[in-house]
Amino acid sequence: MDRKQEYDTLMQELRQTPPALEGTLDRALDRRRARRRKLRPLRSLATAAAVFVLLVNVSIPFAQACTHIPVLGWLAQAVCFSHSLSSAVEHDWVQKVEQTQRDNGYTLTLEDLIVDQKQIHLFYTLDWEDPACEYAMVLVDGDRLSPRPTVLSDSVEGPQDAGHIVLDYREGQVPDRLDLVLTVRPNGDGSPAARFRFQVALDPSLTAVGQVRPVEQWVELDGQQIYVPTQEEVNSQVLAVTQDGTEASSGNDTDNGTGQEASGEDTGTEQKIDLNTADVSQLTTLTGVGESKALAIIAYREENGPFTSAEDIMNVPGIKEGTYEKIKDKIAIK
C-alpha cells in the first residue's frame, strides 16, 4: 500500500462516525428543545409582567380597574413609577374627564386626572391622520393657567398613543378649575398644527386641604365619632373610652359616683367587668375590644357556657394574648 492509498484509507475512516458518537447530534438537539420548552413558561410570564407594568403606568383606566381586584391592586401600586400614581391606585384618587376635541385632522381625548396638593397629572390619547407626522409634541400653554405651574411637555410616539403631562404647583396652590390649552407640533418642530381647549372643574374632594386637629378630642369622620388619644394615654392605657363618648378613668382618679374621687385603694373585683354577665356596651369599654369582638365574646359564652377563668377569653376568635394583657386587670369571673 503506497502513501496515497494510506491517505485515502485514513480519510475514509475519519468520515465514518464512531459507534460511541452515534446519535450525539440528535441527543443534543433534543436537549436543546427540552430546555426551550422549560423556559417557554418563564418567558411568557416575563412578557405578561412587562405588559402589566406598562399598562399600569400608561393606562389610568387599567390601573383604576386593578384597584377592585385584591391581588392586582397591590401589584399595580407596587409597580407604579410615579408616587402620585401609586397613591392614586391605592386610594382610587382618579377623576374621570373623557372629553374629546378635534382640530385639523388631530383628535385629542383628555381621559383622566390625578390631583394632589402639589401636582396635577393629565392623561390623554392623541390620534392623527397626517402620514408625514411620525410623532407629535404636546405642549401646555402655562400662561393661561392661574396660578402658573411648572409645565412638563410630552411627546406621543404614534397615532392613538397615550400621553402623560404633569403640572407642578407649590404647596396649596392647586386651582379648583383648569382652563387648559394644549397645542400639537408634528414631529416636534414648526408651528402648532392643532389647538385644543378643555375646561375642567376639579373634584373638591381631591383638592381639599387636610385639617390639623389636636389630640385628646373627639373627631367626626364619615359620620363616626373617633377619639384621638395622646401618646401618654396610649402608653399608659389610662383611658377606657365608651361608645357614647364618655371617658371612664381607671386608677387613682376614678369617680366613685358621689362626686368624690376614690381614695386610690384597690376595690377588688367590684370595678371589674364580669365576662359571664357583661353586655356589649360594657365589653366595648375594654381596651382593644370593639363591637365585633364584644359580640364574639357573647357568642362564645352562649355556645360554650360560662367562662371559668379570665384567661379563657383568649379562646374567643380575634382575641389573642396581646389583647388579654391589656384587659386582664379589668375583667373578672364571678
Protein backbone atom coordinates (compact mmCIF):
# COMPACT_ATOMS: atom_id res chain seq x y z
CA MET A 1 0.00 0.00 0.00
CA ASP A 2 1.53 3.27 -1.08
CA ARG A 3 1.14 6.58 0.72
CA LYS A 4 -1.78 7.66 -1.48
CA GLN A 5 -3.77 4.61 -0.54
CA GLU A 6 -2.91 5.08 3.16
CA TYR A 7 -4.15 8.65 2.96
CA ASP A 8 -7.41 7.64 1.27
CA THR A 9 -7.97 4.87 3.84
CA LEU A 10 -7.37 7.28 6.73
CA MET A 11 -9.75 9.92 5.30
CA GLN A 12 -12.43 7.27 4.82
CA GLU A 13 -12.13 6.24 8.46
CA LEU A 14 -12.39 9.85 9.58
CA ARG A 15 -15.59 10.28 7.58
CA GLN A 16 -17.26 7.47 9.46
CA THR A 17 -18.94 8.26 12.77
CA PRO A 18 -17.53 6.22 15.65
CA PRO A 19 -20.12 3.91 17.27
CA ALA A 20 -19.76 5.75 20.59
CA LEU A 21 -20.86 9.01 18.92
CA GLU A 22 -23.84 7.64 17.05
CA GLY A 23 -26.90 9.86 17.67
CA THR A 24 -24.92 12.50 19.59
CA LEU A 25 -26.23 15.34 17.44
CA ASP A 26 -29.82 14.16 17.74
CA ARG A 27 -29.49 13.90 21.51
CA ALA A 28 -28.02 17.43 21.70
CA LEU A 29 -30.88 18.82 19.62
CA ASP A 30 -33.41 17.04 21.83
CA ARG A 31 -31.84 18.56 24.97
CA ARG A 32 -31.94 21.99 23.39
CA ARG A 33 -35.61 21.64 22.52
CA ALA A 34 -36.36 20.40 26.05
CA ARG A 35 -34.63 23.44 27.59
CA ARG A 36 -36.62 25.74 25.36
CA ARG A 37 -39.86 24.06 26.41
CA LYS A 38 -38.94 24.56 30.07
CA LEU A 39 -38.08 28.23 29.56
CA ARG A 40 -41.18 28.98 27.49
CA PRO A 41 -43.50 29.48 30.52
CA LEU A 42 -40.90 31.75 32.14
CA ARG A 43 -40.63 33.86 29.00
CA SER A 44 -44.42 34.08 28.79
CA LEU A 45 -44.61 35.10 32.44
CA ALA A 46 -41.91 37.75 31.96
CA THR A 47 -43.74 39.11 28.92
CA ALA A 48 -47.04 39.26 30.81
CA ALA A 49 -45.33 41.05 33.73
CA ALA A 50 -43.75 43.61 31.39
CA VAL A 51 -47.11 44.27 29.69
CA PHE A 52 -48.78 44.64 33.11
CA VAL A 53 -46.18 47.20 34.28
CA LEU A 54 -46.56 49.14 31.02
CA LEU A 55 -50.36 49.19 31.17
CA VAL A 56 -50.43 50.30 34.82
CA ASN A 57 -48.16 53.25 34.09
CA VAL A 58 -49.71 54.42 30.79
CA SER A 59 -53.38 53.49 31.18
CA ILE A 60 -55.18 55.01 34.15
CA PRO A 61 -58.44 53.10 33.41
CA PHE A 62 -56.47 49.84 33.59
CA ALA A 63 -54.73 50.88 36.83
CA GLN A 64 -58.04 52.01 38.30
CA ALA A 65 -59.72 48.71 37.38
CA CYS A 66 -56.92 46.84 39.16
CA THR A 67 -57.81 48.54 42.46
CA HIS A 68 -61.02 46.47 42.64
CA ILE A 69 -59.11 43.16 42.39
CA PRO A 70 -57.28 42.43 45.68
CA VAL A 71 -54.00 40.96 44.40
CA LEU A 72 -53.81 43.06 41.23
CA GLY A 73 -54.47 46.23 43.22
CA TRP A 74 -51.44 45.56 45.41
CA LEU A 75 -49.28 44.71 42.38
CA ALA A 76 -50.40 47.82 40.50
CA GLN A 77 -49.46 50.01 43.45
CA ALA A 78 -46.05 48.30 43.69
CA VAL A 79 -45.09 48.81 40.02
CA CYS A 80 -46.23 52.42 39.63
CA PHE A 81 -43.26 54.60 38.67
CA SER A 82 -44.94 57.79 39.93
CA HIS A 83 -45.55 58.28 43.66
CA SER A 84 -48.76 60.19 42.87
CA LEU A 85 -49.92 57.42 40.57
CA SER A 86 -49.10 54.83 43.24
CA SER A 87 -51.17 56.74 45.81
CA ALA A 88 -53.97 57.20 43.30
CA VAL A 89 -54.09 53.48 42.58
CA GLU A 90 -54.06 52.68 46.30
CA HIS A 91 -56.80 55.17 47.27
CA ASP A 92 -58.74 55.45 43.99
CA TRP A 93 -57.89 59.17 43.61
CA VAL A 94 -58.67 59.40 39.90
CA GLN A 95 -61.04 61.91 38.30
CA LYS A 96 -62.60 60.80 35.04
CA VAL A 97 -62.76 63.53 32.36
CA GLU A 98 -63.29 61.79 28.99
CA GLN A 99 -63.56 64.96 26.88
CA THR A 100 -62.68 64.72 23.18
CA GLN A 101 -61.89 67.51 20.70
CA ARG A 102 -60.84 67.51 17.03
CA ASP A 103 -58.82 70.09 15.11
CA ASN A 104 -57.11 69.98 11.72
CA GLY A 105 -57.05 66.18 11.49
CA TYR A 106 -55.90 65.66 15.10
CA THR A 107 -58.10 64.14 17.80
CA LEU A 108 -57.21 64.55 21.47
CA THR A 109 -59.11 62.89 24.30
CA LEU A 110 -58.44 64.05 27.86
CA GLU A 111 -59.06 60.80 29.70
CA ASP A 112 -58.28 61.24 33.41
CA LEU A 113 -56.75 63.50 36.05
CA ILE A 114 -54.85 62.68 39.21
CA VAL A 115 -54.74 65.57 41.67
CA ASP A 116 -52.81 66.00 44.89
CA GLN A 117 -51.66 69.00 46.93
CA LYS A 118 -48.79 69.88 44.57
CA GLN A 119 -49.41 68.25 41.18
CA ILE A 120 -52.00 67.62 38.51
CA HIS A 121 -51.36 64.64 36.24
CA LEU A 122 -53.07 64.79 32.83
CA PHE A 123 -53.62 61.52 30.95
CA TYR A 124 -54.73 61.71 27.33
CA THR A 125 -54.70 59.95 23.97
CA LEU A 126 -53.82 61.60 20.64
CA ASP A 127 -54.69 60.42 17.13
CA TRP A 128 -53.93 61.96 13.71
CA GLU A 129 -54.30 61.28 10.01
CA ASP A 130 -51.20 63.00 8.58
CA PRO A 131 -48.85 60.25 7.28
CA ALA A 132 -45.92 62.67 7.37
CA CYS A 133 -46.25 63.02 11.16
CA GLU A 134 -44.09 60.35 12.78
CA TYR A 135 -44.57 61.66 16.32
CA ALA A 136 -46.21 64.67 17.95
CA MET A 137 -45.14 67.05 20.69
CA VAL A 138 -47.97 68.14 23.03
CA LEU A 139 -47.45 71.45 24.85
CA VAL A 140 -49.46 73.14 27.60
CA ASP A 141 -49.99 76.91 27.45
CA GLY A 142 -48.93 77.68 31.02
CA ASP A 143 -49.67 81.41 30.67
CA ARG A 144 -53.41 80.67 30.62
CA LEU A 145 -53.24 78.85 33.94
CA SER A 146 -53.54 80.74 37.20
CA PRO A 147 -51.54 80.25 39.31
CA ARG A 148 -48.94 79.38 36.69
CA PRO A 149 -47.43 75.93 37.22
CA THR A 150 -44.17 74.44 36.11
CA VAL A 151 -45.27 72.57 33.00
CA LEU A 152 -43.73 69.41 31.63
CA SER A 153 -44.46 68.80 27.94
CA ASP A 154 -44.92 65.36 26.44
CA SER A 155 -44.42 63.55 23.15
CA VAL A 156 -46.63 60.90 21.57
CA GLU A 157 -44.82 58.27 19.52
CA GLY A 158 -47.67 57.26 17.26
CA PRO A 159 -51.38 57.65 16.48
CA GLN A 160 -53.76 56.57 19.26
CA ASP A 161 -50.86 56.55 21.69
CA ALA A 162 -51.34 57.53 25.34
CA GLY A 163 -49.65 60.57 26.87
CA HIS A 164 -48.99 61.97 30.32
CA ILE A 165 -48.31 65.60 31.32
CA VAL A 166 -47.52 66.84 34.84
CA LEU A 167 -48.39 70.31 36.15
CA ASP A 168 -46.24 71.17 39.18
CA TYR A 169 -47.58 73.70 41.71
CA ARG A 170 -46.40 74.99 45.03
CA GLU A 171 -47.96 73.52 48.16
CA GLY A 172 -51.62 74.53 48.43
CA GLN A 173 -51.75 76.42 45.08
CA VAL A 174 -53.56 73.74 43.05
CA PRO A 175 -56.58 75.53 41.49
CA ASP A 176 -60.22 74.46 41.65
CA ARG A 177 -60.64 74.69 37.85
CA LEU A 178 -58.41 74.22 34.82
CA ASP A 179 -58.64 76.35 31.66
CA LEU A 180 -56.35 74.05 29.74
CA VAL A 181 -54.97 74.88 26.28
CA LEU A 182 -52.97 72.15 24.53
CA THR A 183 -51.11 72.60 21.24
CA VAL A 184 -49.71 69.87 18.99
CA ARG A 185 -46.49 70.20 16.97
CA PRO A 186 -45.98 67.44 14.41
CA ASN A 187 -42.50 65.91 14.63
CA GLY A 188 -41.72 68.33 17.46
CA ASP A 189 -40.98 71.42 15.36
CA GLY A 190 -42.64 74.13 13.32
CA SER A 191 -45.82 75.97 14.16
CA PRO A 192 -48.66 74.25 16.03
CA ALA A 193 -50.79 72.08 13.77
CA ALA A 194 -53.72 71.78 16.20
CA ARG A 195 -55.03 73.57 19.27
CA PHE A 196 -57.37 72.22 21.93
CA ARG A 197 -59.03 73.88 24.91
CA PHE A 198 -60.50 71.99 27.86
CA GLN A 199 -62.26 73.48 30.86
CA VAL A 200 -62.32 71.09 33.78
CA ALA A 201 -63.67 71.59 37.29
CA LEU A 202 -61.54 69.59 39.70
CA ASP A 203 -63.23 67.31 42.20
CA PRO A 204 -63.29 69.22 45.54
CA SER A 205 -62.62 66.00 47.44
CA LEU A 206 -59.27 65.71 45.63
CA THR A 207 -58.17 69.32 46.17
CA ALA A 208 -59.39 69.78 49.75
CA VAL A 209 -56.67 70.69 52.22
CA GLY A 210 -56.36 68.33 55.16
CA GLN A 211 -57.15 69.58 58.63
CA VAL A 212 -54.78 69.51 61.57
CA ARG A 213 -56.71 68.59 64.69
CA PRO A 214 -55.39 68.49 68.24
CA VAL A 215 -55.28 65.21 70.09
CA GLU A 216 -57.38 64.41 73.15
CA GLN A 217 -60.57 65.35 71.30
CA TRP A 218 -63.50 63.62 69.64
CA VAL A 219 -63.49 63.97 65.83
CA GLU A 220 -66.32 63.17 63.42
CA LEU A 221 -65.09 61.27 60.36
CA ASP A 222 -67.51 59.92 57.76
CA GLY A 223 -70.32 60.08 60.29
CA GLN A 224 -68.36 58.28 63.01
CA GLN A 225 -67.08 59.71 66.27
CA ILE A 226 -63.40 58.90 66.77
CA TYR A 227 -61.40 59.77 69.87
CA VAL A 228 -57.75 60.74 69.29
CA PRO A 229 -55.72 59.99 72.45
CA THR A 230 -52.41 61.49 73.46
CA GLN A 231 -49.26 59.39 73.34
CA GLU A 232 -49.23 59.29 77.13
CA GLU A 233 -52.74 57.85 77.18
CA VAL A 234 -51.78 55.23 74.62
CA ASN A 235 -48.69 54.21 76.57
CA SER A 236 -50.31 54.07 79.99
CA GLN A 237 -53.77 52.94 78.82
CA VAL A 238 -55.29 55.24 81.39
CA LEU A 239 -58.50 55.97 79.48
CA ALA A 240 -61.16 53.47 78.52
CA VAL A 241 -63.48 55.07 76.03
CA THR A 242 -67.14 54.09 75.94
CA GLN A 243 -69.37 54.04 72.89
CA ASP A 244 -71.42 57.10 73.86
CA GLY A 245 -68.32 59.28 74.01
CA THR A 246 -67.81 59.37 77.77
CA GLU A 247 -64.45 58.67 79.35
CA ALA A 248 -64.05 56.17 82.15
CA SER A 249 -60.81 56.74 84.05
CA SER A 250 -59.01 53.97 85.83
CA GLY A 251 -56.54 54.07 88.65
CA ASN A 252 -56.46 56.62 91.44
CA ASP A 253 -58.72 59.21 89.76
CA THR A 254 -61.86 57.08 89.41
CA ASP A 255 -65.05 58.83 90.38
CA ASN A 256 -66.92 56.76 92.96
CA GLY A 257 -70.34 58.02 91.81
CA THR A 258 -70.77 60.56 94.63
CA GLY A 259 -68.81 63.36 93.01
CA GLN A 260 -65.72 62.49 95.06
CA GLU A 261 -62.58 60.78 93.91
CA ALA A 262 -61.79 57.32 95.15
CA SER A 263 -59.09 57.05 97.73
CA GLY A 264 -56.88 55.05 95.38
CA GLU A 265 -57.27 51.78 97.26
CA ASP A 266 -57.81 48.65 95.23
CA THR A 267 -61.51 47.85 95.42
CA GLY A 268 -61.02 44.30 94.15
CA THR A 269 -63.33 42.89 91.55
CA GLU A 270 -66.19 45.34 92.10
CA GLN A 271 -64.92 47.65 89.36
CA LYS A 272 -64.03 44.78 87.02
CA ILE A 273 -66.23 43.56 84.20
CA ASP A 274 -67.75 40.12 84.67
CA LEU A 275 -67.20 38.20 81.43
CA ASN A 276 -70.21 35.96 82.15
CA THR A 277 -72.76 38.76 82.55
CA ALA A 278 -71.37 41.79 80.65
CA ASP A 279 -73.31 43.08 77.65
CA VAL A 280 -71.94 44.72 74.50
CA SER A 281 -71.84 48.25 75.94
CA GLN A 282 -69.81 47.06 78.94
CA LEU A 283 -67.40 44.90 76.95
CA THR A 284 -66.61 47.68 74.50
CA THR A 285 -65.20 49.79 77.35
CA LEU A 286 -62.26 47.40 77.43
CA THR A 287 -59.16 48.49 75.58
CA GLY A 288 -58.98 46.93 72.12
CA VAL A 289 -62.48 45.43 72.27
CA GLY A 290 -64.89 46.85 69.71
CA GLU A 291 -68.44 45.87 68.96
CA SER A 292 -67.48 42.91 66.78
CA LYS A 293 -65.21 41.41 69.44
CA ALA A 294 -67.80 42.06 72.13
CA LEU A 295 -70.38 40.14 70.10
CA ALA A 296 -67.83 37.36 69.61
CA ILE A 297 -67.32 37.12 73.39
CA ILE A 298 -71.07 36.85 73.98
CA ALA A 299 -71.45 34.28 71.18
CA TYR A 300 -68.62 32.19 72.61
CA ARG A 301 -70.22 32.38 76.07
CA GLU A 302 -73.60 31.27 74.77
CA GLU A 303 -72.13 28.41 72.74
CA ASN A 304 -69.58 27.05 75.23
CA GLY A 305 -71.08 28.03 78.54
CA PRO A 306 -69.75 30.44 81.20
CA PHE A 307 -66.09 31.37 81.33
CA THR A 308 -64.27 29.53 84.08
CA SER A 309 -61.23 31.84 84.14
CA ALA A 310 -60.24 35.20 82.72
CA GLU A 311 -57.65 33.50 80.51
CA ASP A 312 -60.45 31.70 78.66
CA ILE A 313 -61.17 34.94 76.80
CA MET A 314 -58.16 34.13 74.58
CA ASN A 315 -60.22 31.25 73.16
CA VAL A 316 -62.55 33.79 71.58
CA PRO A 317 -61.74 34.33 67.87
CA GLY A 318 -59.93 37.62 67.38
CA ILE A 319 -58.69 37.96 70.97
CA LYS A 320 -55.10 36.95 71.49
CA GLU A 321 -52.53 37.26 74.23
CA GLY A 322 -51.76 40.89 73.40
CA THR A 323 -55.35 41.96 73.93
CA TYR A 324 -55.62 39.85 77.08
CA GLU A 325 -52.55 41.50 78.61
CA LYS A 326 -54.19 44.90 78.11
CA ILE A 327 -57.50 43.97 79.75
CA LYS A 328 -56.64 41.26 82.28
CA ASP A 329 -56.73 43.71 85.21
CA LYS A 330 -60.19 44.94 84.18
CA ILE A 331 -62.01 41.62 83.78
CA ALA A 332 -63.15 39.02 86.27
CA ILE A 333 -65.18 35.83 86.63
CA LYS A 334 -67.86 35.97 89.30
